[in-house]
PDB file of N, CA and C in Angstrom:
ATOM      1  N   MET A   1     107.786  99.387 122.308  1.00  0.00           N
ATOM      2  CA  MET A   1     106.350  98.745 121.451  1.00  0.00           C
ATOM      3  C   MET A   1     105.761  97.411 122.358  1.00  0.00           C
ATOM      4  N   ALA A   2     104.635  97.697 122.490  1.00  0.00           N
ATOM      5  CA  ALA A   2     103.798  96.659 123.184  1.00  0.00           C
ATOM      6  C   ALA A   2     104.010  95.154 122.484  1.00  0.00           C
ATOM      7  N   LEU A   3     103.984  95.163 121.352  1.00  0.00           N
ATOM      8  CA  LEU A   3     104.351  93.810 120.565  1.00  0.00           C
ATOM      9  C   LEU A   3     105.514  93.110 120.849  1.00  0.00           C
ATOM     10  N   ALA A   4     106.441  93.907 120.855  1.00  0.00           N
ATOM     11  CA  ALA A   4     107.781  93.435 121.220  1.00  0.00           C
ATOM     12  C   ALA A   4     107.847  92.650 122.689  1.00  0.00           C
ATOM     13  N   ARG A   5     107.234  93.463 123.640  1.00  0.00           N
ATOM     14  CA  ARG A   5     106.998  92.702 125.547  1.00  0.00           C
ATOM     15  C   ARG A   5     106.000  91.301 124.888  1.00  0.00           C
ATOM     16  N   VAL A   6     104.777  91.244 124.241  1.00  0.00           N
ATOM     17  CA  VAL A   6     104.129  90.340 124.191  1.00  0.00           C
ATOM     18  C   VAL A   6     104.820  89.135 123.710  1.00  0.00           C
ATOM     19  N   SER A   7     105.231  89.757 121.953  1.00  0.00           N
ATOM     20  CA  SER A   7     105.977  88.223 121.373  1.00  0.00           C
ATOM     21  C   SER A   7     107.646  87.769 122.122  1.00  0.00           C
ATOM     22  N   ALA A   8     108.235  88.638 123.060  1.00  0.00           N
ATOM     23  CA  ALA A   8     109.781  88.737 123.330  1.00  0.00           C
ATOM     24  C   ALA A   8     110.234  88.131 122.142  1.00  0.00           C
ATOM     25  N   GLY A   9     110.044  89.089 121.486  1.00  0.00           N
ATOM     26  CA  GLY A   9     111.234  89.107 119.774  1.00  0.00           C
ATOM     27  C   GLY A   9     110.901  88.093 119.118  1.00  0.00           C
ATOM     28  N   ASP A  10     110.331  87.053 119.363  1.00  0.00           N
ATOM     29  CA  ASP A  10     110.073  85.835 118.834  1.00  0.00           C
ATOM     30  C   ASP A  10     108.930  86.515 117.469  1.00  0.00           C
ATOM     31  N   ALA A  11     109.744  86.115 116.229  1.00  0.00           N
ATOM     32  CA  ALA A  11     109.610  86.382 114.653  1.00  0.00           C
ATOM     33  C   ALA A  11     108.312  85.977 114.641  1.00  0.00           C
ATOM     34  N   ALA A  12     108.224  84.358 114.639  1.00  0.00           N
ATOM     35  CA  ALA A  12     107.131  83.726 114.417  1.00  0.00           C
ATOM     36  C   ALA A  12     105.766  84.399 115.121  1.00  0.00           C
ATOM     37  N   VAL A  13     105.849  84.379 116.742  1.00  0.00           N
ATOM     38  CA  VAL A  13     104.772  85.040 117.254  1.00  0.00           C
ATOM     39  C   VAL A  13     104.387  86.332 116.838  1.00  0.00           C
ATOM     40  N   GLU A  14     105.673  87.534 116.441  1.00  0.00           N
ATOM     41  CA  GLU A  14     105.007  88.193 115.688  1.00  0.00           C
ATOM     42  C   GLU A  14     104.190  88.799 114.386  1.00  0.00           C
ATOM     43  N   ARG A  15     104.696  87.507 114.075  1.00  0.00           N
ATOM     44  CA  ARG A  15     103.835  87.193 112.625  1.00  0.00           C
ATOM     45  C   ARG A  15     102.305  87.007 112.726  1.00  0.00           C
ATOM     46  N   ASP A  16     102.375  86.128 113.752  1.00  0.00           N
ATOM     47  CA  ASP A  16     100.944  85.451 113.918  1.00  0.00           C
ATOM     48  C   ASP A  16      99.800  86.346 114.423  1.00  0.00           C
ATOM     49  N   ILE A  17     100.617  87.563 115.442  1.00  0.00           N
ATOM     50  CA  ILE A  17      99.599  88.176 115.972  1.00  0.00           C
ATOM     51  C   ILE A  17      99.616  89.457 114.601  1.00  0.00           C
ATOM     52  N   PHE A  18     100.494  89.731 113.819  1.00  0.00           N
ATOM     53  CA  PHE A  18     100.139  90.440 112.652  1.00  0.00           C
ATOM     54  C   PHE A  18      98.928  90.175 112.005  1.00  0.00           C
ATOM     55  N   ILE A  19      99.285  88.848 111.550  1.00  0.00           N
ATOM     56  CA  ILE A  19      98.110  87.797 110.960  1.00  0.00           C
ATOM     57  C   ILE A  19      96.379  88.027 111.578  1.00  0.00           C
ATOM     58  N   GLU A  20      96.734  88.184 112.688  1.00  0.00           N
ATOM     59  CA  GLU A  20      95.345  87.883 113.459  1.00  0.00           C
ATOM     60  C   GLU A  20      94.731  89.587 113.387  1.00  0.00           C
ATOM     61  N   PHE A  21      95.935  90.610 113.972  1.00  0.00           N
ATOM     62  CA  PHE A  21      95.634  91.992 113.871  1.00  0.00           C
ATOM     63  C   PHE A  21      95.215  92.251 112.536  1.00  0.00           C
ATOM     64  N   GLN A  22      95.743  91.819 111.296  1.00  0.00           N
ATOM     65  CA  GLN A  22      95.412  92.520 110.200  1.00  0.00           C
ATOM     66  C   GLN A  22      93.848  91.812 109.947  1.00  0.00           C
ATOM     67  N   ARG A  23      93.697  90.247 110.165  1.00  0.00           N
ATOM     68  CA  ARG A  23      91.928  89.932 109.491  1.00  0.00           C
ATOM     69  C   ARG A  23      91.107  91.008 110.752  1.00  0.00           C
ATOM     70  N   ALA A  24      91.006  90.976 111.828  1.00  0.00           N
ATOM     71  CA  ALA A  24      90.437  91.918 113.122  1.00  0.00           C
ATOM     72  C   ALA A  24      89.945  93.404 112.295  1.00  0.00           C
ATOM     73  N   ASN A  25      91.142  93.961 111.918  1.00  0.00           N
ATOM     74  CA  ASN A  25      91.217  95.116 111.476  1.00  0.00           C
ATOM     75  C   ASN A  25      90.544  95.372 109.953  1.00  0.00           C
ATOM     76  N   GLU A  26      90.500  94.812 109.459  1.00  0.00           N
ATOM     77  CA  GLU A  26      89.823  94.459 107.750  1.00  0.00           C
ATOM     78  C   GLU A  26      88.152  94.527 108.664  1.00  0.00           C
ATOM     79  N   GLY A  27      88.028  93.564 109.232  1.00  0.00           N
ATOM     80  CA  GLY A  27      86.493  93.629 109.865  1.00  0.00           C
ATOM     81  C   GLY A  27      86.087  94.878 110.410  1.00  0.00           C
ATOM     82  N   ASP A  28      87.081  95.275 111.443  1.00  0.00           N
ATOM     83  CA  ASP A  28      86.862  96.229 112.245  1.00  0.00           C
ATOM     84  C   ASP A  28      86.809  98.026 111.123  1.00  0.00           C
ATOM     85  N   ALA A  29      87.517  98.050 109.800  1.00  0.00           N
ATOM     86  CA  ALA A  29      87.862  99.339 109.036  1.00  0.00           C
ATOM     87  C   ALA A  29      86.213  99.147 108.480  1.00  0.00           C
ATOM     88  N   ALA A  30      85.740  98.127 107.941  1.00  0.00           N
ATOM     89  CA  ALA A  30      84.678  98.137 107.510  1.00  0.00           C
ATOM     90  C   ALA A  30      83.427  98.720 107.789  1.00  0.00           C
ATOM     91  N   LEU A  31      83.455  97.619 109.399  1.00  0.00           N
ATOM     92  CA  LEU A  31      82.110  98.405 110.453  1.00  0.00           C
ATOM     93  C   LEU A  31      82.590  99.846 110.192  1.00  0.00           C
ATOM     94  N   LEU A  32      83.639 100.736 110.623  1.00  0.00           N
ATOM     95  CA  LEU A  32      83.538 101.982 110.779  1.00  0.00           C
ATOM     96  C   LEU A  32      82.828 102.758 109.644  1.00  0.00           C
ATOM     97  N   GLU A  33      83.336 102.413 108.402  1.00  0.00           N
ATOM     98  CA  GLU A  33      83.226 102.905 107.389  1.00  0.00           C
ATOM     99  C   GLU A  33      81.408 103.256 106.809  1.00  0.00           C
ATOM    100  N   GLN A  34      80.997 101.656 107.430  1.00  0.00           N
ATOM    101  CA  GLN A  34      79.525 101.241 107.030  1.00  0.00           C
ATOM    102  C   GLN A  34      78.891 102.166 108.305  1.00  0.00           C
ATOM    103  N   ALA A  35      79.456 102.381 109.799  1.00  0.00           N
ATOM    104  CA  ALA A  35      78.967 103.015 110.426  1.00  0.00           C
ATOM    105  C   ALA A  35      78.872 104.761 110.091  1.00  0.00           C
ATOM    106  N   VAL A  36      80.225 105.348 109.469  1.00  0.00           N
ATOM    107  CA  VAL A  36      80.140 106.463 108.799  1.00  0.00           C
ATOM    108  C   VAL A  36      79.184 106.787 108.087  1.00  0.00           C
ATOM    109  N   ALA A  37      78.740 105.645 107.059  1.00  0.00           N
ATOM    110  CA  ALA A  37      78.012 106.353 105.826  1.00  0.00           C
ATOM    111  C   ALA A  37      76.421 105.637 106.620  1.00  0.00           C
ATOM    112  N   ASP A  38      76.216 105.207 107.717  1.00  0.00           N
ATOM    113  CA  ASP A  38      74.650 104.762 108.190  1.00  0.00           C
ATOM    114  C   ASP A  38      74.503 106.855 109.704  1.00  0.00           C
ATOM    115  N   GLY A  39      75.850 107.229 109.352  1.00  0.00           N
ATOM    116  CA  GLY A  39      75.474 108.372 110.757  1.00  0.00           C
ATOM    117  C   GLY A  39      75.117 108.229 111.737  1.00  0.00           C
ATOM    118  N   ASP A  40      75.803 106.940 112.154  1.00  0.00           N
ATOM    119  CA  ASP A  40      75.700 106.118 113.442  1.00  0.00           C
ATOM    120  C   ASP A  40      76.932 106.182 114.096  1.00  0.00           C
ATOM    121  N   ILE A  41      76.797 107.540 114.891  1.00  0.00           N
ATOM    122  CA  ILE A  41      78.033 107.904 115.483  1.00  0.00           C
ATOM    123  C   ILE A  41      78.381 107.268 117.103  1.00  0.00           C
ATOM    124  N   ALA A  42      77.406 106.757 117.208  1.00  0.00           N
ATOM    125  CA  ALA A  42      78.213 106.291 118.695  1.00  0.00           C
ATOM    126  C   ALA A  42      78.626 105.093 118.220  1.00  0.00           C
ATOM    127  N   GLN A  43      78.442 104.125 116.958  1.00  0.00           N
ATOM    128  CA  GLN A  43      79.232 103.299 116.644  1.00  0.00           C
ATOM    129  C   GLN A  43      80.589 103.854 116.093  1.00  0.00           C
ATOM    130  N   VAL A  44      80.794 104.670 115.307  1.00  0.00           N
ATOM    131  CA  VAL A  44      81.817 105.237 115.138  1.00  0.00           C
ATOM    132  C   VAL A  44      82.601 105.499 116.191  1.00  0.00           C
ATOM    133  N   LYS A  45      82.020 106.303 117.420  1.00  0.00           N
ATOM    134  CA  LYS A  45      83.145 106.363 118.120  1.00  0.00           C
ATOM    135  C   LYS A  45      83.599 105.074 118.928  1.00  0.00           C
ATOM    136  N   ARG A  46      83.076 104.031 119.379  1.00  0.00           N
ATOM    137  CA  ARG A  46      83.364 102.941 119.677  1.00  0.00           C
ATOM    138  C   ARG A  46      84.522 101.822 118.688  1.00  0.00           C
ATOM    139  N   LEU A  47      84.166 102.022 117.234  1.00  0.00           N
ATOM    140  CA  LEU A  47      84.648 101.321 116.758  1.00  0.00           C
ATOM    141  C   LEU A  47      86.196 102.155 116.197  1.00  0.00           C
ATOM    142  N   ALA A  48      86.018 103.451 116.559  1.00  0.00           N
ATOM    143  CA  ALA A  48      87.472 104.089 116.295  1.00  0.00           C
ATOM    144  C   ALA A  48      88.152 103.617 117.316  1.00  0.00           C
ATOM    145  N   HIS A  49      87.620 104.156 118.551  1.00  0.00           N
ATOM    146  CA  HIS A  49      88.197 103.925 119.727  1.00  0.00           C
ATOM    147  C   HIS A  49      89.501 102.240 119.875  1.00  0.00           C
ATOM    148  N   LEU A  50      88.185 101.650 119.177  1.00  0.00           N
ATOM    149  CA  LEU A  50      89.145  99.473 119.267  1.00  0.00           C
ATOM    150  C   LEU A  50      89.802  99.624 118.050  1.00  0.00           C
ATOM    151  N   ILE A  51      89.628 100.270 116.736  1.00  0.00           N
ATOM    152  CA  ILE A  51      91.174 100.885 116.452  1.00  0.00           C
ATOM    153  C   ILE A  51      91.961 100.650 116.639  1.00  0.00           C
ATOM    154  N   LYS A  52      91.990 101.947 117.098  1.00  0.00           N
ATOM    155  CA  LYS A  52      93.162 103.131 117.724  1.00  0.00           C
ATOM    156  C   LYS A  52      93.710 101.917 118.599  1.00  0.00           C
ATOM    157  N   GLY A  53      92.785 101.409 119.638  1.00  0.00           N
ATOM    158  CA  GLY A  53      93.697 100.550 120.659  1.00  0.00           C
ATOM    159  C   GLY A  53      95.056  99.743 119.925  1.00  0.00           C
ATOM    160  N   ALA A  54      93.995  99.150 118.992  1.00  0.00           N
ATOM    161  CA  ALA A  54      94.651  97.713 118.383  1.00  0.00           C
ATOM    162  C   ALA A  54      95.807  97.988 117.549  1.00  0.00           C
ATOM    163  N   CYS A  55      95.729  99.131 117.382  1.00  0.00           N
ATOM    164  CA  CYS A  55      96.858  99.871 116.363  1.00  0.00           C
ATOM    165  C   CYS A  55      97.831 100.376 117.496  1.00  0.00           C
ATOM    166  N   ALA A  56      97.591 100.431 118.132  1.00  0.00           N
ATOM    167  CA  ALA A  56      99.010 101.193 118.673  1.00  0.00           C
ATOM    168  C   ALA A  56      99.589  99.966 119.566  1.00  0.00           C
ATOM    169  N   MET A  57      98.573  98.988 119.588  1.00  0.00           N
ATOM    170  CA  MET A  57      99.387  97.418 120.272  1.00  0.00           C
ATOM    171  C   MET A  57     100.315  97.132 119.152  1.00  0.00           C
ATOM    172  N   VAL A  58      99.979  97.241 118.461  1.00  0.00           N
ATOM    173  CA  VAL A  58     101.272  96.557 117.062  1.00  0.00           C
ATOM    174  C   VAL A  58     102.690  97.867 116.616  1.00  0.00           C
ATOM    175  N   GLY A  59     101.840  98.610 117.039  1.00  0.00           N
ATOM    176  CA  GLY A  59     103.016 100.032 116.730  1.00  0.00           C
ATOM    177  C   GLY A  59     102.583 100.825 115.532  1.00  0.00           C
ATOM    178  N   ALA A  60     101.317 100.742 114.849  1.00  0.00           N
ATOM    179  CA  ALA A  60     100.618 101.138 113.986  1.00  0.00           C
ATOM    180  C   ALA A  60      99.917 102.690 114.034  1.00  0.00           C
ATOM    181  N   LEU A  61     101.180 103.464 114.636  1.00  0.00           N
ATOM    182  CA  LEU A  61     100.773 104.750 114.966  1.00  0.00           C
ATOM    183  C   LEU A  61     100.548 105.860 114.590  1.00  0.00           C
ATOM    184  N   ALA A  62     100.515 106.014 113.414  1.00  0.00           N
ATOM    185  CA  ALA A  62      99.977 106.684 111.852  1.00  0.00           C
ATOM    186  C   ALA A  62      98.263 106.606 112.009  1.00  0.00           C
ATOM    187  N   LEU A  63      98.045 105.519 111.811  1.00  0.00           N
ATOM    188  CA  LEU A  63      96.544 104.803 111.962  1.00  0.00           C
ATOM    189  C   LEU A  63      96.108 105.035 113.123  1.00  0.00           C
ATOM    190  N   ALA A  64      96.653 105.008 114.288  1.00  0.00           N
ATOM    191  CA  ALA A  64      95.858 105.310 115.883  1.00  0.00           C
ATOM    192  C   ALA A  64      95.851 106.166 116.442  1.00  0.00           C
ATOM    193  N   ASN A  65      96.616 107.854 115.668  1.00  0.00           N
ATOM    194  CA  ASN A  65      96.583 108.822 115.617  1.00  0.00           C
ATOM    195  C   ASN A  65      95.206 109.275 114.873  1.00  0.00           C
ATOM    196  N   VAL A  66      95.318 108.801 113.733  1.00  0.00           N
ATOM    197  CA  VAL A  66      93.762 109.035 112.414  1.00  0.00           C
ATOM    198  C   VAL A  66      92.628 108.677 113.466  1.00  0.00           C
ATOM    199  N   CYS A  67      92.130 107.272 114.294  1.00  0.00           N
ATOM    200  CA  CYS A  67      91.458 107.016 114.959  1.00  0.00           C
ATOM    201  C   CYS A  67      91.219 107.753 115.991  1.00  0.00           C
ATOM    202  N   GLU A  68      91.962 108.212 116.771  1.00  0.00           N
ATOM    203  CA  GLU A  68      91.898 109.613 118.088  1.00  0.00           C
ATOM    204  C   GLU A  68      91.508 110.187 117.048  1.00  0.00           C
ATOM    205  N   ARG A  69      91.225 111.055 116.308  1.00  0.00           N
ATOM    206  CA  ARG A  69      91.420 112.327 115.878  1.00  0.00           C
ATOM    207  C   ARG A  69      89.776 111.943 115.199  1.00  0.00           C
ATOM    208  N   ILE A  70      88.921 110.796 115.131  1.00  0.00           N
ATOM    209  CA  ILE A  70      87.816 110.441 114.422  1.00  0.00           C
ATOM    210  C   ILE A  70      87.072 109.914 115.809  1.00  0.00           C
ATOM    211  N   GLU A  71      87.557 109.735 116.591  1.00  0.00           N
ATOM    212  CA  GLU A  71      87.070 109.511 117.958  1.00  0.00           C
ATOM    213  C   GLU A  71      86.863 110.757 118.812  1.00  0.00           C
ATOM    214  N   ARG A  72      87.697 111.821 118.776  1.00  0.00           N
ATOM    215  CA  ARG A  72      87.402 112.956 119.238  1.00  0.00           C
ATOM    216  C   ARG A  72      86.458 113.886 118.692  1.00  0.00           C
ATOM    217  N   ALA A  73      86.493 113.847 117.185  1.00  0.00           N
ATOM    218  CA  ALA A  73      85.115 114.013 116.510  1.00  0.00           C
ATOM    219  C   ALA A  73      83.878 113.516 116.701  1.00  0.00           C
ATOM    220  N   SER A  74      83.792 112.523 117.024  1.00  0.00           N
ATOM    221  CA  SER A  74      82.688 111.534 117.454  1.00  0.00           C
ATOM    222  C   SER A  74      81.906 111.950 118.672  1.00  0.00           C
ATOM    223  N   ARG A  75      83.034 112.367 119.717  1.00  0.00           N
ATOM    224  CA  ARG A  75      82.685 112.855 121.149  1.00  0.00           C
ATOM    225  C   ARG A  75      81.999 114.132 120.895  1.00  0.00           C
ATOM    226  N   ASP A  76      82.451 114.700 119.739  1.00  0.00           N
ATOM    227  CA  ASP A  76      81.996 116.699 120.150  1.00  0.00           C
ATOM    228  C   ASP A  76      80.907 116.570 118.579  1.00  0.00           C
ATOM    229  N   GLY A  77      80.664 115.623 118.093  1.00  0.00           N
ATOM    230  CA  GLY A  77      79.967 115.293 116.901  1.00  0.00           C
ATOM    231  C   GLY A  77      79.737 116.410 115.509  1.00  0.00           C
ATOM    232  N   ASP A  78      81.329 116.036 115.168  1.00  0.00           N
ATOM    233  CA  ASP A  78      81.654 116.403 114.241  1.00  0.00           C
ATOM    234  C   ASP A  78      82.001 115.831 112.746  1.00  0.00           C
ATOM    235  N   TRP A  79      80.981 115.667 112.460  1.00  0.00           N
ATOM    236  CA  TRP A  79      81.186 114.947 110.730  1.00  0.00           C
ATOM    237  C   TRP A  79      81.752 115.479 110.172  1.00  0.00           C
ATOM    238  N   LYS A  80      81.608 116.947 109.849  1.00  0.00           N
ATOM    239  CA  LYS A  80      82.793 117.282 108.638  1.00  0.00           C
ATOM    240  C   LYS A  80      84.418 116.247 109.135  1.00  0.00           C
ATOM    241  N   THR A  81      84.862 116.383 110.448  1.00  0.00           N
ATOM    242  CA  THR A  81      86.105 115.988 110.343  1.00  0.00           C
ATOM    243  C   THR A  81      86.111 114.691 110.791  1.00  0.00           C
ATOM    244  N   ILE A  82      85.253 113.730 110.513  1.00  0.00           N
ATOM    245  CA  ILE A  82      85.268 112.844 110.965  1.00  0.00           C
ATOM    246  C   ILE A  82      84.956 112.342 109.225  1.00  0.00           C
ATOM    247  N   VAL A  83      84.075 112.705 108.208  1.00  0.00           N
ATOM    248  CA  VAL A  83      84.028 112.575 107.030  1.00  0.00           C
ATOM    249  C   VAL A  83      85.612 112.818 106.338  1.00  0.00           C
ATOM    250  N   VAL A  84      86.473 113.941 106.243  1.00  0.00           N
ATOM    251  CA  VAL A  84      88.015 114.313 106.065  1.00  0.00           C
ATOM    252  C   VAL A  84      88.840 113.583 106.671  1.00  0.00           C
ATOM    253  N   SER A  85      88.473 112.827 107.976  1.00  0.00           N
ATOM    254  CA  SER A  85      89.576 112.031 108.709  1.00  0.00           C
ATOM    255  C   SER A  85      89.589 110.330 107.801  1.00  0.00           C
ATOM    256  N   MET A  86      88.115 110.102 107.602  1.00  0.00           N
ATOM    257  CA  MET A  86      87.922 109.026 107.088  1.00  0.00           C
ATOM    258  C   MET A  86      88.837 108.901 105.392  1.00  0.00           C
ATOM    259  N   ILE A  87      89.515 109.615 104.913  1.00  0.00           N
ATOM    260  CA  ILE A  87      90.238 109.680 103.350  1.00  0.00           C
ATOM    261  C   ILE A  87      91.248 109.421 104.515  1.00  0.00           C
ATOM    262  N   GLU A  88      92.033 109.989 105.495  1.00  0.00           N
ATOM    263  CA  GLU A  88      93.141 109.801 105.879  1.00  0.00           C
ATOM    264  C   GLU A  88      93.413 108.408 106.392  1.00  0.00           C
ATOM    265  N   PHE A  89      92.257 107.913 107.027  1.00  0.00           N
ATOM    266  CA  PHE A  89      92.328 106.611 107.241  1.00  0.00           C
ATOM    267  C   PHE A  89      92.209 105.455 106.393  1.00  0.00           C
ATOM    268  N   GLU A  90      91.759 105.695 105.527  1.00  0.00           N
ATOM    269  CA  GLU A  90      92.025 105.169 104.220  1.00  0.00           C
ATOM    270  C   GLU A  90      92.754 104.719 103.770  1.00  0.00           C
ATOM    271  N   GLN A  91      93.729 105.799 103.572  1.00  0.00           N
ATOM    272  CA  GLN A  91      95.408 106.188 103.167  1.00  0.00           C
ATOM    273  C   GLN A  91      95.759 105.390 104.123  1.00  0.00           C
ATOM    274  N   GLU A  92      96.029 105.537 105.420  1.00  0.00           N
ATOM    275  CA  GLU A  92      96.835 104.546 106.335  1.00  0.00           C
ATOM    276  C   GLU A  92      96.566 103.223 106.428  1.00  0.00           C
ATOM    277  N   LEU A  93      95.442 103.107 106.387  1.00  0.00           N
ATOM    278  CA  LEU A  93      95.415 101.453 106.309  1.00  0.00           C
ATOM    279  C   LEU A  93      95.556 100.750 105.314  1.00  0.00           C
ATOM    280  N   THR A  94      95.379 101.423 103.878  1.00  0.00           N
ATOM    281  CA  THR A  94      96.212 101.248 102.723  1.00  0.00           C
ATOM    282  C   THR A  94      97.521 100.813 102.933  1.00  0.00           C
ATOM    283  N   GLU A  95      98.165 101.865 103.285  1.00  0.00           N
ATOM    284  CA  GLU A  95      99.685 101.984 103.600  1.00  0.00           C
ATOM    285  C   GLU A  95     100.385 100.575 104.653  1.00  0.00           C
ATOM    286  N   LEU A  96      98.932 100.328 105.439  1.00  0.00           N
ATOM    287  CA  LEU A  96      99.472  99.520 106.994  1.00  0.00           C
ATOM    288  C   LEU A  96      99.600  98.217 106.295  1.00  0.00           C
ATOM    289  N   ASN A  97      98.323  98.351 105.701  1.00  0.00           N
ATOM    290  CA  ASN A  97      98.213  96.516 104.923  1.00  0.00           C
ATOM    291  C   ASN A  97      99.085  96.346 104.131  1.00  0.00           C
ATOM    292  N   ARG A  98      99.812  97.423 103.359  1.00  0.00           N
ATOM    293  CA  ARG A  98     101.029  97.083 102.176  1.00  0.00           C
ATOM    294  C   ARG A  98     102.064  96.112 103.224  1.00  0.00           C
ATOM    295  N   TYR A  99     102.451  97.382 104.352  1.00  0.00           N
ATOM    296  CA  TYR A  99     103.365  97.154 104.875  1.00  0.00           C
ATOM    297  C   TYR A  99     103.353  95.626 105.467  1.00  0.00           C
ATOM    298  N   LEU A 100     102.012  95.226 106.477  1.00  0.00           N
ATOM    299  CA  LEU A 100     101.995  94.156 106.691  1.00  0.00           C
ATOM    300  C   LEU A 100     101.992  92.738 105.558  1.00  0.00           C
ATOM    301  N   ALA A 101     101.720  93.361 104.494  1.00  0.00           N
ATOM    302  CA  ALA A 101     101.641  92.314 103.207  1.00  0.00           C
ATOM    303  C   ALA A 101     103.289  91.633 103.291  1.00  0.00           C
ATOM    304  N   GLU A 102     104.115  93.204 103.294  1.00  0.00           N
ATOM    305  CA  GLU A 102     105.942  93.134 103.217  1.00  0.00           C
ATOM    306  C   GLU A 102     106.362  91.681 104.300  1.00  0.00           C
ATOM    307  N   VAL A 103     105.907  92.582 106.000  1.00  0.00           N
ATOM    308  CA  VAL A 103     106.336  91.678 106.673  1.00  0.00           C
ATOM    309  C   VAL A 103     106.368  90.398 106.983  1.00  0.00           C
ATOM    310  N   GLN A 104     105.035  90.012 106.507  1.00  0.00           N
ATOM    311  CA  GLN A 104     104.232  88.479 106.352  1.00  0.00           C
ATOM    312  C   GLN A 104     105.064  87.880 105.468  1.00  0.00           C
ATOM    313  N   GLY A 105     105.191  87.948 104.338  1.00  0.00           N
ATOM    314  CA  GLY A 105     105.964  87.653 103.676  1.00  0.00           C
ATOM    315  C   GLY A 105     105.010  86.620 102.621  1.00  0.00           C
ATOM    316  N   PRO A 106     104.994  85.673 101.623  1.00  0.00           N
ATOM    317  CA  PRO A 106     104.585  84.745 100.685  1.00  0.00           C
ATOM    318  C   PRO A 106     103.830  83.862 101.818  1.00  0.00           C
ATOM    319  N   ALA A 107     101.934  83.712 101.555  1.00  0.00           N
ATOM    320  CA  ALA A 107     101.485  82.794 102.200  1.00  0.00           C
ATOM    321  C   ALA A 107     101.995  81.226 102.320  1.00  0.00           C
ATOM    322  N   THR A 108     102.036  80.837 103.371  1.00  0.00           N
ATOM    323  CA  THR A 108     102.135  78.820 103.183  1.00  0.00           C
ATOM    324  C   THR A 108     101.332  78.455 103.387  1.00  0.00           C
ATOM    325  N   SER A 109     101.361  77.204 102.568  1.00  0.00           N
ATOM    326  CA  SER A 109     100.166  76.096 102.596  1.00  0.00           C
ATOM    327  C   SER A 109     100.725  74.964 103.761  1.00  0.00           C
TER     328      SER A 109
END
């Protein structure tokens, strides 16, 4: 996994990476949802690609696979697949956020 190489197995580094990933991913996910709502296929393609890469880096492969499907559908102009895949995107994103909350543990000040 790319994350293990970057963190050299350091749990604190991995936690920091997960925190930053989650922050960035939440913003990108919101932008993707808006691009779909706006019918902006170029943005859908760009954002799906961006999220796919970030997810692959941290090992969130289920969400990366959904993003791959959305990206491919956007290249083909296949709005039906995009819209249907967004349902799975939301489900996988929720599951990933649940997992990240468990991994990160309680917030410290």
